[in-house]
């Protein structure tokens, strides 16, 4: 059903190729898929955030410039926000379980996950910039961190959007089935 955010041809009462599932079955499947994605993202974020929290306790931290300390604070705050956004869907599901809101929960949890991935990109970029500023010249650090932001944007945004666009075009090019 296109009015619920599914891609054309996703089956269901509207018909068409693909899965033939009710809205509840589709929500269950999409929730399972989202949980798998969150497991991957949450693990990486929790490890990164844990390491960020330990930096302030290192002896060399006191030698950081004011700019690097500010960058560190921004990075930790972004890491906390990322953790919140990527754990949020689990809390949402737990608090809404049994209320017959799974389709809506899946939509909101998916949005929180996309927000979390955007925050993860920012956290990773700041983390890279902070570490690279200590390892190489500031200008090179900025270029390397910027290149990695472009790489993540290509992997996480451009390629999936291109694939979605290509899929929609291919689907429209197929003759209707009787």
C-alpha atoms as a PDB file:
ATOM      1  CA  UNK A   1       0.000   0.000   0.000  1.00  0.00           C
ATOM      2  CA  UNK A   2       1.772   3.093  -1.217  1.00  0.00           C
ATOM      3  CA  UNK A   3      -0.021   5.336   1.288  1.00  0.00           C
ATOM      4  CA  UNK A   4       1.864   3.634   4.145  1.00  0.00           C
ATOM      5  CA  UNK A   5       5.312   4.259   2.701  1.00  0.00           C
ATOM      6  CA  UNK A   6       5.832   0.959   0.890  1.00  0.00           C
ATOM      7  CA  UNK A   7       7.443   0.852  -2.484  1.00  0.00           C
ATOM      8  CA  UNK A   8       5.165   0.167  -5.439  1.00  0.00           C
ATOM      9  CA  UNK A   9       4.703  -3.540  -6.028  1.00  0.00           C
ATOM     10  CA  UNK A  10       5.276  -4.512  -2.400  1.00  0.00           C
ATOM     11  CA  UNK A  11       2.255  -6.776  -2.390  1.00  0.00           C
ATOM     12  CA  UNK A  12      -0.520  -6.636   0.144  1.00  0.00           C
ATOM     13  CA  UNK A  13      -4.138  -5.746  -0.511  1.00  0.00           C
ATOM     14  CA  UNK A  14      -3.225  -3.476  -3.419  1.00  0.00           C
ATOM     15  CA  UNK A  15      -1.820  -6.504  -5.263  1.00  0.00           C
ATOM     16  CA  UNK A  16       1.139  -6.467  -7.553  1.00  0.00           C
ATOM     17  CA  UNK A  17       4.338  -8.472  -7.539  1.00  0.00           C
ATOM     18  CA  UNK A  18       6.276  -9.092  -4.371  1.00  0.00           C
ATOM     19  CA  UNK A  19       5.156 -10.175  -0.953  1.00  0.00           C
ATOM     20  CA  UNK A  20       1.527 -10.728  -0.128  1.00  0.00           C
ATOM     21  CA  UNK A  21       1.334  -9.708   3.508  1.00  0.00           C
ATOM     22  CA  UNK A  22      -0.980  -7.764   5.725  1.00  0.00           C
ATOM     23  CA  UNK A  23       0.035  -4.404   7.175  1.00  0.00           C
ATOM     24  CA  UNK A  24       0.787  -6.146  10.493  1.00  0.00           C
ATOM     25  CA  UNK A  25       2.903  -8.838   8.810  1.00  0.00           C
ATOM     26  CA  UNK A  26       4.772  -6.157   6.871  1.00  0.00           C
ATOM     27  CA  UNK A  27       5.363  -4.190  10.088  1.00  0.00           C
ATOM     28  CA  UNK A  28       6.678  -7.336  11.811  1.00  0.00           C
ATOM     29  CA  UNK A  29       9.052  -8.043   8.924  1.00  0.00           C
ATOM     30  CA  UNK A  30      10.232  -4.441   8.700  1.00  0.00           C
ATOM     31  CA  UNK A  31      10.743  -4.311  12.483  1.00  0.00           C
ATOM     32  CA  UNK A  32      12.883  -7.474  12.332  1.00  0.00           C
ATOM     33  CA  UNK A  33      14.943  -5.974   9.516  1.00  0.00           C
ATOM     34  CA  UNK A  34      15.380  -2.732  11.446  1.00  0.00           C
ATOM     35  CA  UNK A  35      16.497  -4.583  14.579  1.00  0.00           C
ATOM     36  CA  UNK A  36      19.211  -6.369  12.607  1.00  0.00           C
ATOM     37  CA  UNK A  37      20.443  -3.041  11.238  1.00  0.00           C
ATOM     38  CA  UNK A  38      20.375  -1.463  14.692  1.00  0.00           C
ATOM     39  CA  UNK A  39      22.432  -4.303  16.176  1.00  0.00           C
ATOM     40  CA  UNK A  40      25.251  -3.535  13.763  1.00  0.00           C
ATOM     41  CA  UNK A  41      25.103   0.239  14.233  1.00  0.00           C
ATOM     42  CA  UNK A  42      24.643   0.142  18.016  1.00  0.00           C
ATOM     43  CA  UNK A  43      27.670  -2.061  18.572  1.00  0.00           C
ATOM     44  CA  UNK A  44      29.971   0.260  16.664  1.00  0.00           C
ATOM     45  CA  UNK A  45      28.542   3.374  18.293  1.00  0.00           C
ATOM     46  CA  UNK A  46      28.832   1.956  21.790  1.00  0.00           C
ATOM     47  CA  UNK A  47      32.483   1.002  21.239  1.00  0.00           C
ATOM     48  CA  UNK A  48      33.308   4.408  19.729  1.00  0.00           C
ATOM     49  CA  UNK A  49      31.465   6.265  22.494  1.00  0.00           C
ATOM     50  CA  UNK A  50      33.159   4.173  25.179  1.00  0.00           C
ATOM     51  CA  UNK A  51      36.595   5.024  23.802  1.00  0.00           C
ATOM     52  CA  UNK A  52      35.653   8.704  23.568  1.00  0.00           C
ATOM     53  CA  UNK A  53      34.676   8.737  27.222  1.00  0.00           C
ATOM     54  CA  UNK A  54      38.098   7.440  28.262  1.00  0.00           C
ATOM     55  CA  UNK A  55      40.104  10.075  26.385  1.00  0.00           C
ATOM     56  CA  UNK A  56      39.645  12.730  29.053  1.00  0.00           C
ATOM     57  CA  UNK A  57      41.366  10.453  31.595  1.00  0.00           C
ATOM     58  CA  UNK A  58      44.557  10.112  29.527  1.00  0.00           C
ATOM     59  CA  UNK A  59      47.638  12.060  30.664  1.00  0.00           C
ATOM     60  CA  UNK A  60      48.084  13.688  27.277  1.00  0.00           C
ATOM     61  CA  UNK A  61      44.576  15.205  27.384  1.00  0.00           C
ATOM     62  CA  UNK A  62      45.856  18.161  29.432  1.00  0.00           C
ATOM     63  CA  UNK A  63      48.261  18.991  26.580  1.00  0.00           C
ATOM     64  CA  UNK A  64      45.491  19.443  24.010  1.00  0.00           C
ATOM     65  CA  UNK A  65      44.953  22.910  22.615  1.00  0.00           C
ATOM     66  CA  UNK A  66      41.757  24.772  23.391  1.00  0.00           C
ATOM     67  CA  UNK A  67      40.500  24.055  19.864  1.00  0.00           C
ATOM     68  CA  UNK A  68      41.169  20.331  20.266  1.00  0.00           C
ATOM     69  CA  UNK A  69      39.412  20.277  23.651  1.00  0.00           C
ATOM     70  CA  UNK A  70      36.399  21.987  22.109  1.00  0.00           C
ATOM     71  CA  UNK A  71      36.452  19.482  19.258  1.00  0.00           C
ATOM     72  CA  UNK A  72      36.624  16.675  21.816  1.00  0.00           C
ATOM     73  CA  UNK A  73      33.606  18.048  23.714  1.00  0.00           C
ATOM     74  CA  UNK A  74      31.625  18.353  20.474  1.00  0.00           C
ATOM     75  CA  UNK A  75      32.600  14.798  19.543  1.00  0.00           C
ATOM     76  CA  UNK A  76      31.501  13.381  22.911  1.00  0.00           C
ATOM     77  CA  UNK A  77      28.178  15.226  22.747  1.00  0.00           C
ATOM     78  CA  UNK A  78      27.620  13.952  19.197  1.00  0.00           C
ATOM     79  CA  UNK A  79      28.505  10.439  20.367  1.00  0.00           C
ATOM     80  CA  UNK A  80      25.938  10.674  23.159  1.00  0.00           C
ATOM     81  CA  UNK A  81      23.297  11.981  20.742  1.00  0.00           C
ATOM     82  CA  UNK A  82      24.115   9.163  18.316  1.00  0.00           C
ATOM     83  CA  UNK A  83      23.760   6.581  21.071  1.00  0.00           C
ATOM     84  CA  UNK A  84      20.411   8.059  22.063  1.00  0.00           C
ATOM     85  CA  UNK A  85      19.076   8.054  18.519  1.00  0.00           C
ATOM     86  CA  UNK A  86      20.164   4.476  17.826  1.00  0.00           C
ATOM     87  CA  UNK A  87      18.939   3.060  21.146  1.00  0.00           C
ATOM     88  CA  UNK A  88      15.727   5.098  20.972  1.00  0.00           C
ATOM     89  CA  UNK A  89      13.895   2.678  18.652  1.00  0.00           C
ATOM     90  CA  UNK A  90      14.375  -0.146  21.148  1.00  0.00           C
ATOM     91  CA  UNK A  91      12.947   1.964  23.982  1.00  0.00           C
ATOM     92  CA  UNK A  92      10.086   3.078  21.744  1.00  0.00           C
ATOM     93  CA  UNK A  93       9.252  -0.517  20.861  1.00  0.00           C
ATOM     94  CA  UNK A  94       9.398  -1.595  24.494  1.00  0.00           C
ATOM     95  CA  UNK A  95       7.084   1.217  25.640  1.00  0.00           C
ATOM     96  CA  UNK A  96       4.594   0.724  22.787  1.00  0.00           C
ATOM     97  CA  UNK A  97       4.497  -3.081  22.696  1.00  0.00           C
ATOM     98  CA  UNK A  98       0.945  -4.400  22.881  1.00  0.00           C
ATOM     99  CA  UNK A  99      -0.656  -1.088  21.888  1.00  0.00           C
ATOM    100  CA  UNK A 100      -1.269  -2.168  18.261  1.00  0.00           C
ATOM    101  CA  UNK A 101       1.016   0.605  16.998  1.00  0.00           C
ATOM    102  CA  UNK A 102       3.680  -1.490  15.291  1.00  0.00           C
ATOM    103  CA  UNK A 103       3.294   0.059  11.790  1.00  0.00           C
ATOM    104  CA  UNK A 104       3.649   3.556  13.280  1.00  0.00           C
ATOM    105  CA  UNK A 105       6.449   2.393  15.585  1.00  0.00           C
ATOM    106  CA  UNK A 106       8.373   1.028  12.611  1.00  0.00           C
ATOM    107  CA  UNK A 107       8.052   4.336  10.737  1.00  0.00           C
ATOM    108  CA  UNK A 108       9.251   6.406  13.719  1.00  0.00           C
ATOM    109  CA  UNK A 109      12.000   3.943  14.629  1.00  0.00           C
ATOM    110  CA  UNK A 110      13.214   4.007  11.044  1.00  0.00           C
ATOM    111  CA  UNK A 111      13.363   7.799  11.129  1.00  0.00           C
ATOM    112  CA  UNK A 112      15.293   7.715  14.413  1.00  0.00           C
ATOM    113  CA  UNK A 113      17.724   5.228  12.867  1.00  0.00           C
ATOM    114  CA  UNK A 114      18.351   7.481   9.873  1.00  0.00           C
ATOM    115  CA  UNK A 115      18.906  10.395  12.265  1.00  0.00           C
ATOM    116  CA  UNK A 116      21.286   8.198  14.277  1.00  0.00           C
ATOM    117  CA  UNK A 117      23.245   7.336  11.144  1.00  0.00           C
ATOM    118  CA  UNK A 118      23.559  11.038  10.312  1.00  0.00           C
ATOM    119  CA  UNK A 119      24.789  11.715  13.829  1.00  0.00           C
ATOM    120  CA  UNK A 120      27.174   8.771  13.522  1.00  0.00           C
ATOM    121  CA  UNK A 121      28.629  10.358  10.407  1.00  0.00           C
ATOM    122  CA  UNK A 122      29.202  13.595  12.347  1.00  0.00           C
ATOM    123  CA  UNK A 123      30.652  11.750  15.353  1.00  0.00           C
ATOM    124  CA  UNK A 124      33.011   9.752  13.159  1.00  0.00           C
ATOM    125  CA  UNK A 125      34.098  12.848  11.241  1.00  0.00           C
ATOM    126  CA  UNK A 126      34.849  14.741  14.459  1.00  0.00           C
ATOM    127  CA  UNK A 127      36.651  11.732  15.946  1.00  0.00           C
ATOM    128  CA  UNK A 128      38.793  11.416  12.841  1.00  0.00           C
ATOM    129  CA  UNK A 129      39.539  15.112  12.795  1.00  0.00           C
ATOM    130  CA  UNK A 130      40.544  15.090  16.453  1.00  0.00           C
ATOM    131  CA  UNK A 131      42.886  12.119  16.073  1.00  0.00           C
ATOM    132  CA  UNK A 132      44.321  13.262  12.752  1.00  0.00           C
ATOM    133  CA  UNK A 133      45.018  16.772  14.100  1.00  0.00           C
ATOM    134  CA  UNK A 134      47.336  15.115  16.606  1.00  0.00           C
ATOM    135  CA  UNK A 135      48.977  12.884  13.995  1.00  0.00           C
ATOM    136  CA  UNK A 136      49.462  15.161  10.972  1.00  0.00           C
ATOM    137  CA  UNK A 137      49.345  18.833   9.972  1.00  0.00           C
ATOM    138  CA  UNK A 138      45.950  20.493  10.604  1.00  0.00           C
ATOM    139  CA  UNK A 139      45.286  21.116   6.905  1.00  0.00           C
ATOM    140  CA  UNK A 140      45.995  17.507   5.955  1.00  0.00           C
ATOM    141  CA  UNK A 141      43.839  16.340   8.873  1.00  0.00           C
ATOM    142  CA  UNK A 142      40.918  18.413   7.596  1.00  0.00           C
ATOM    143  CA  UNK A 143      41.329  17.066   4.049  1.00  0.00           C
ATOM    144  CA  UNK A 144      41.545  13.453   5.248  1.00  0.00           C
ATOM    145  CA  UNK A 145      38.513  13.808   7.520  1.00  0.00           C
ATOM    146  CA  UNK A 146      36.611  15.527   4.705  1.00  0.00           C
ATOM    147  CA  UNK A 147      37.512  12.726   2.303  1.00  0.00           C
ATOM    148  CA  UNK A 148      36.156  10.189   4.775  1.00  0.00           C
ATOM    149  CA  UNK A 149      32.909  12.159   5.131  1.00  0.00           C
ATOM    150  CA  UNK A 150      32.543  12.017   1.354  1.00  0.00           C
ATOM    151  CA  UNK A 151      33.279   8.273   1.420  1.00  0.00           C
ATOM    152  CA  UNK A 152      30.650   7.658   4.116  1.00  0.00           C
ATOM    153  CA  UNK A 153      28.140   9.814   2.228  1.00  0.00           C
ATOM    154  CA  UNK A 154      28.764   7.766  -0.912  1.00  0.00           C
ATOM    155  CA  UNK A 155      28.381   4.444   0.930  1.00  0.00           C
ATOM    156  CA  UNK A 156      25.493   5.396   3.208  1.00  0.00           C
ATOM    157  CA  UNK A 157      23.494   7.816   1.076  1.00  0.00           C
ATOM    158  CA  UNK A 158      24.422   8.129  -2.580  1.00  0.00           C
ATOM    159  CA  UNK A 159      24.668   4.411  -3.388  1.00  0.00           C
ATOM    160  CA  UNK A 160      21.394   3.452  -1.641  1.00  0.00           C
ATOM    161  CA  UNK A 161      19.542   6.383  -3.235  1.00  0.00           C
ATOM    162  CA  UNK A 162      20.957   5.498  -6.641  1.00  0.00           C
ATOM    163  CA  UNK A 163      19.886   1.859  -6.185  1.00  0.00           C
ATOM    164  CA  UNK A 164      16.396   2.948  -5.107  1.00  0.00           C
ATOM    165  CA  UNK A 165      16.087   5.282  -8.079  1.00  0.00           C
ATOM    166  CA  UNK A 166      17.329   2.564 -10.454  1.00  0.00           C
ATOM    167  CA  UNK A 167      14.861   0.061  -8.957  1.00  0.00           C
ATOM    168  CA  UNK A 168      11.903   2.425  -9.383  1.00  0.00           C
ATOM    169  CA  UNK A 169      12.862   3.131 -12.998  1.00  0.00           C
ATOM    170  CA  UNK A 170      13.192  -0.584 -13.741  1.00  0.00           C
ATOM    171  CA  UNK A 171       9.846  -1.287 -12.079  1.00  0.00           C
ATOM    172  CA  UNK A 172       8.096   1.390 -14.131  1.00  0.00           C
ATOM    173  CA  UNK A 173       9.633   0.026 -17.323  1.00  0.00           C
ATOM    174  CA  UNK A 174       8.065  -3.404 -16.769  1.00  0.00           C
ATOM    175  CA  UNK A 175       4.789  -4.018 -18.569  1.00  0.00           C
ATOM    176  CA  UNK A 176       1.738  -4.376 -16.277  1.00  0.00           C
ATOM    177  CA  UNK A 177       0.882  -7.939 -15.305  1.00  0.00           C
ATOM    178  CA  UNK A 178      -2.622  -9.216 -15.848  1.00  0.00           C
END
